[in-house]
Amino acid sequence: MLCIALTVITEFTKSVLHFDQLFYNSLAENLTTKQIENILTLQEKWKWVGYIFVPVYVLLKTLIIASILYVGVFFFSKKEITFKALWNLAIKADFIFLLVPVFKVIWFYFFQTTHTLSDFQSFFPLSAINIIGYKDLETWFLYPLQVFNLFELVYWLVLSYYVGKLAFTEKDKGKSMDLGFKIVASSYGSALILWIVVVMFFL
């Protein structure tokens, strides 16, 4: 369901916001019309590869997050939690990020109707980058400011709540959310910071 929803929303976004035209405009200064048309034709021909990539991406992402949470559970939970339960939680929590492209479509369709491909790629709804703006920023600052967003916060809270419920024991009564947040912050939080640093380094 997550893969299907992600694919449908992605295709809907491309259609509503006329992605081909945005892509064409972004390349128009450097390439000829014929070259751009060849690129668009090639993209259309190999579009099916993208459909295959979606489940692979979702699988790898959720497996990695479940693995990271499993490490946190191993160190901080007194109750045994199966990897399958954490993977199931990681898949369900990832539905939160489906709202990101929906918000982007709403913004660019109704509010910022005149935009470029760069505007779309740099925009992340309800994030720090929209407060600061991206045009005067160094490239390596873009990603961390995009990650600092309301959806990520909600994702943390959802993970914390359900991990806390899974790790809950009678001794932890009334503290399941605190326990869950401790596990998520120490495992997923640490991994996220490391990932941001790596991305910033390569940018």
Protein backbone atom coordinates (compact mmCIF):
# COMPACT_ATOMS: atom_id res chain seq x y z
CA MET A 1 0.00 0.00 0.00
CA LEU A 2 2.84 2.38 0.83
CA CYS A 3 4.56 1.70 -2.51
CA ILE A 4 1.34 2.12 -4.48
CA ALA A 5 0.46 5.34 -2.66
CA LEU A 6 3.96 6.74 -3.21
CA THR A 7 3.87 5.90 -6.93
CA VAL A 8 0.38 7.35 -7.46
CA ILE A 9 1.21 10.58 -5.61
CA THR A 10 4.48 10.96 -7.53
CA GLU A 11 2.77 10.54 -10.90
CA PHE A 12 -0.04 12.85 -9.84
CA THR A 13 2.50 15.50 -8.82
CA LYS A 14 4.30 15.27 -12.17
CA SER A 15 1.03 15.58 -14.05
CA VAL A 16 -0.52 18.44 -12.07
CA LEU A 17 2.64 20.54 -11.93
CA HIS A 18 3.62 19.80 -15.57
CA PHE A 19 7.01 18.36 -14.71
CA ASP A 20 8.04 17.90 -18.34
CA GLN A 21 7.67 21.62 -18.92
CA LEU A 22 9.61 22.46 -15.74
CA PHE A 23 12.37 20.08 -16.79
CA TYR A 24 12.38 21.53 -20.30
CA ASN A 25 12.68 25.09 -18.98
CA SER A 26 15.50 24.17 -16.60
CA LEU A 27 17.60 22.74 -19.46
CA ALA A 28 16.64 25.26 -22.14
CA GLU A 29 19.59 27.58 -21.40
CA ASN A 30 22.23 24.88 -21.84
CA LEU A 31 20.80 22.43 -24.38
CA THR A 32 19.07 22.58 -27.74
CA THR A 33 15.40 21.73 -28.18
CA LYS A 34 16.31 18.48 -29.92
CA GLN A 35 18.62 17.40 -27.09
CA ILE A 36 15.97 18.12 -24.46
CA GLU A 37 13.34 16.20 -26.43
CA ASN A 38 15.71 13.23 -26.67
CA ILE A 39 16.21 13.29 -22.90
CA LEU A 40 12.45 13.46 -22.26
CA THR A 41 11.86 10.60 -24.71
CA LEU A 42 14.51 8.52 -22.96
CA GLN A 43 12.95 9.26 -19.58
CA GLU A 44 9.54 8.16 -20.82
CA LYS A 45 11.01 4.98 -22.30
CA TRP A 46 12.69 3.97 -19.02
CA LYS A 47 9.94 5.20 -16.70
CA TRP A 48 9.15 1.61 -15.69
CA VAL A 49 12.55 1.43 -13.95
CA GLY A 50 11.29 4.08 -11.54
CA TYR A 51 8.27 1.91 -10.70
CA ILE A 52 10.61 -0.95 -9.82
CA PHE A 53 12.83 1.35 -7.75
CA VAL A 54 9.95 2.47 -5.48
CA PRO A 55 9.45 -0.88 -3.64
CA VAL A 56 13.22 -1.37 -3.47
CA TYR A 57 13.61 2.10 -1.93
CA VAL A 58 10.77 1.55 0.56
CA LEU A 59 12.09 -1.90 1.48
CA LEU A 60 15.64 -0.70 2.10
CA LYS A 61 14.56 2.43 3.98
CA THR A 62 12.18 0.63 6.35
CA LEU A 63 14.57 -2.28 6.92
CA ILE A 64 17.40 0.10 7.79
CA ILE A 65 15.21 2.13 10.18
CA ALA A 66 13.89 -1.05 11.81
CA SER A 67 17.46 -2.29 12.22
CA ILE A 68 18.53 0.99 13.81
CA LEU A 69 15.57 0.91 16.20
CA TYR A 70 16.36 -2.71 17.02
CA VAL A 71 19.80 -1.62 18.24
CA GLY A 72 18.20 1.02 20.48
CA VAL A 73 15.71 -1.53 21.83
CA PHE A 74 18.57 -3.94 22.55
CA PHE A 75 20.32 -1.41 24.80
CA PHE A 76 17.39 0.34 26.49
CA SER A 77 14.39 -2.00 26.56
CA LYS A 78 13.99 -4.63 29.25
CA LYS A 79 11.32 -6.31 27.16
CA GLU A 80 12.11 -8.42 24.11
CA ILE A 81 10.78 -6.89 20.89
CA THR A 82 10.92 -8.72 17.58
CA PHE A 83 12.49 -7.20 14.48
CA LYS A 84 9.26 -7.92 12.60
CA ALA A 85 7.29 -5.69 15.00
CA LEU A 86 9.75 -2.83 14.52
CA TRP A 87 9.73 -3.26 10.75
CA ASN A 88 5.93 -3.18 10.75
CA LEU A 89 6.09 0.03 12.80
CA ALA A 90 8.67 1.58 10.43
CA ILE A 91 6.43 0.87 7.42
CA LYS A 92 3.32 2.34 9.05
CA ALA A 93 5.14 5.43 10.32
CA ASP A 94 6.52 6.12 6.84
CA PHE A 95 3.01 6.93 5.63
CA ILE A 96 3.49 10.31 7.35
CA PHE A 97 5.95 11.37 4.64
CA LEU A 98 3.32 10.84 1.93
CA LEU A 99 1.90 14.16 3.09
CA VAL A 100 5.06 15.97 1.93
CA PRO A 101 4.39 15.73 -1.85
CA VAL A 102 0.69 16.43 -1.22
CA PHE A 103 1.58 19.68 0.56
CA LYS A 104 4.04 20.53 -2.23
CA VAL A 105 1.35 20.11 -4.88
CA ILE A 106 -1.04 22.30 -2.91
CA TRP A 107 1.60 24.99 -2.47
CA PHE A 108 2.78 25.15 -6.08
CA TYR A 109 -0.65 24.70 -7.62
CA PHE A 110 -2.55 27.26 -5.55
CA PHE A 111 0.03 29.66 -4.09
CA GLN A 112 3.39 29.76 -5.91
CA THR A 113 2.01 29.14 -9.36
CA THR A 114 5.08 30.58 -11.09
CA HIS A 115 8.05 28.39 -10.19
CA THR A 116 11.08 26.59 -11.55
CA LEU A 117 12.32 23.03 -11.15
CA SER A 118 14.90 24.37 -8.68
CA ASP A 119 12.11 25.95 -6.61
CA PHE A 120 10.29 22.64 -6.46
CA GLN A 121 13.37 20.61 -5.55
CA SER A 122 14.49 23.01 -2.82
CA PHE A 123 11.05 23.50 -1.30
CA PHE A 124 10.13 21.34 1.68
CA PRO A 125 6.78 22.17 3.32
CA LEU A 126 6.80 23.22 6.98
CA SER A 127 10.59 23.13 7.18
CA ALA A 128 13.31 25.54 8.30
CA ILE A 129 14.47 26.14 4.72
CA ASN A 130 11.16 27.83 3.87
CA ILE A 131 11.69 30.30 6.70
CA ILE A 132 15.30 31.10 5.78
CA GLY A 133 15.06 30.71 1.98
CA TYR A 134 17.38 28.66 -0.20
CA LYS A 135 18.69 31.07 -2.84
CA ASP A 136 21.45 32.66 -0.76
CA LEU A 137 22.47 29.48 1.07
CA GLU A 138 25.49 27.27 0.47
CA THR A 139 24.47 23.98 -1.20
CA TRP A 140 25.54 21.86 1.77
CA PHE A 141 23.13 23.75 4.06
CA LEU A 142 20.03 22.83 2.04
CA TYR A 143 19.58 19.23 3.16
CA PRO A 144 19.82 19.71 6.96
CA LEU A 145 17.38 22.62 6.79
CA GLN A 146 14.97 20.46 4.77
CA VAL A 147 15.24 17.63 7.31
CA PHE A 148 14.37 20.03 10.14
CA ASN A 149 10.62 19.99 9.46
CA LEU A 150 7.27 19.34 11.11
CA PHE A 151 6.78 15.98 9.36
CA GLU A 152 10.05 14.70 10.80
CA LEU A 153 8.94 15.83 14.26
CA VAL A 154 5.61 14.00 13.92
CA TYR A 155 7.52 10.94 12.65
CA TRP A 156 9.69 11.00 15.77
CA LEU A 157 6.65 11.29 18.03
CA VAL A 158 4.84 8.42 16.29
CA LEU A 159 7.92 6.19 16.49
CA SER A 160 8.44 7.14 20.14
CA TYR A 161 4.83 6.43 21.06
CA TYR A 162 4.64 3.00 19.43
CA VAL A 163 8.16 1.90 20.34
CA GLY A 164 7.33 2.91 23.91
CA LYS A 165 4.18 0.78 23.79
CA LEU A 166 6.17 -2.18 22.49
CA ALA A 167 8.90 -1.75 25.11
CA PHE A 168 6.42 -1.07 27.92
CA THR A 169 6.60 -3.14 31.10
CA GLU A 170 4.64 -2.80 34.34
CA LYS A 171 7.72 -1.21 35.88
CA ASP A 172 7.65 1.51 33.22
CA LYS A 173 3.99 2.32 33.84
CA GLY A 174 3.25 5.91 32.86
CA LYS A 175 6.65 6.35 31.22
CA SER A 176 6.20 4.47 27.94
CA MET A 177 6.44 7.65 25.81
CA ASP A 178 9.62 8.72 27.61
CA LEU A 179 11.11 5.27 27.14
CA GLY A 180 10.13 5.25 23.47
CA PHE A 181 11.63 8.69 22.87
CA LYS A 182 14.84 7.61 24.60
CA ILE A 183 15.12 4.59 22.30
CA VAL A 184 14.28 6.56 19.15
CA ALA A 185 16.59 9.49 19.99
CA SER A 186 19.54 7.26 20.83
CA SER A 187 19.19 5.04 17.76
CA TYR A 188 17.30 6.72 14.93
CA GLY A 189 18.29 10.22 16.07
CA SER A 190 22.00 9.39 16.15
CA ALA A 191 21.82 7.66 12.76
CA LEU A 192 19.94 10.62 11.27
CA ILE A 193 22.58 13.09 12.46
CA LEU A 194 25.32 10.89 11.01
CA TRP A 195 23.43 10.66 7.69
CA ILE A 196 22.99 14.45 7.54
CA VAL A 197 26.71 14.98 8.15
CA VAL A 198 27.60 12.48 5.38
CA VAL A 199 25.21 14.15 2.90
CA MET A 200 26.56 17.62 3.80
CA PHE A 201 30.10 16.37 3.22
CA PHE A 202 29.33 15.10 -0.29
CA LEU A 203 27.36 18.21 -1.22
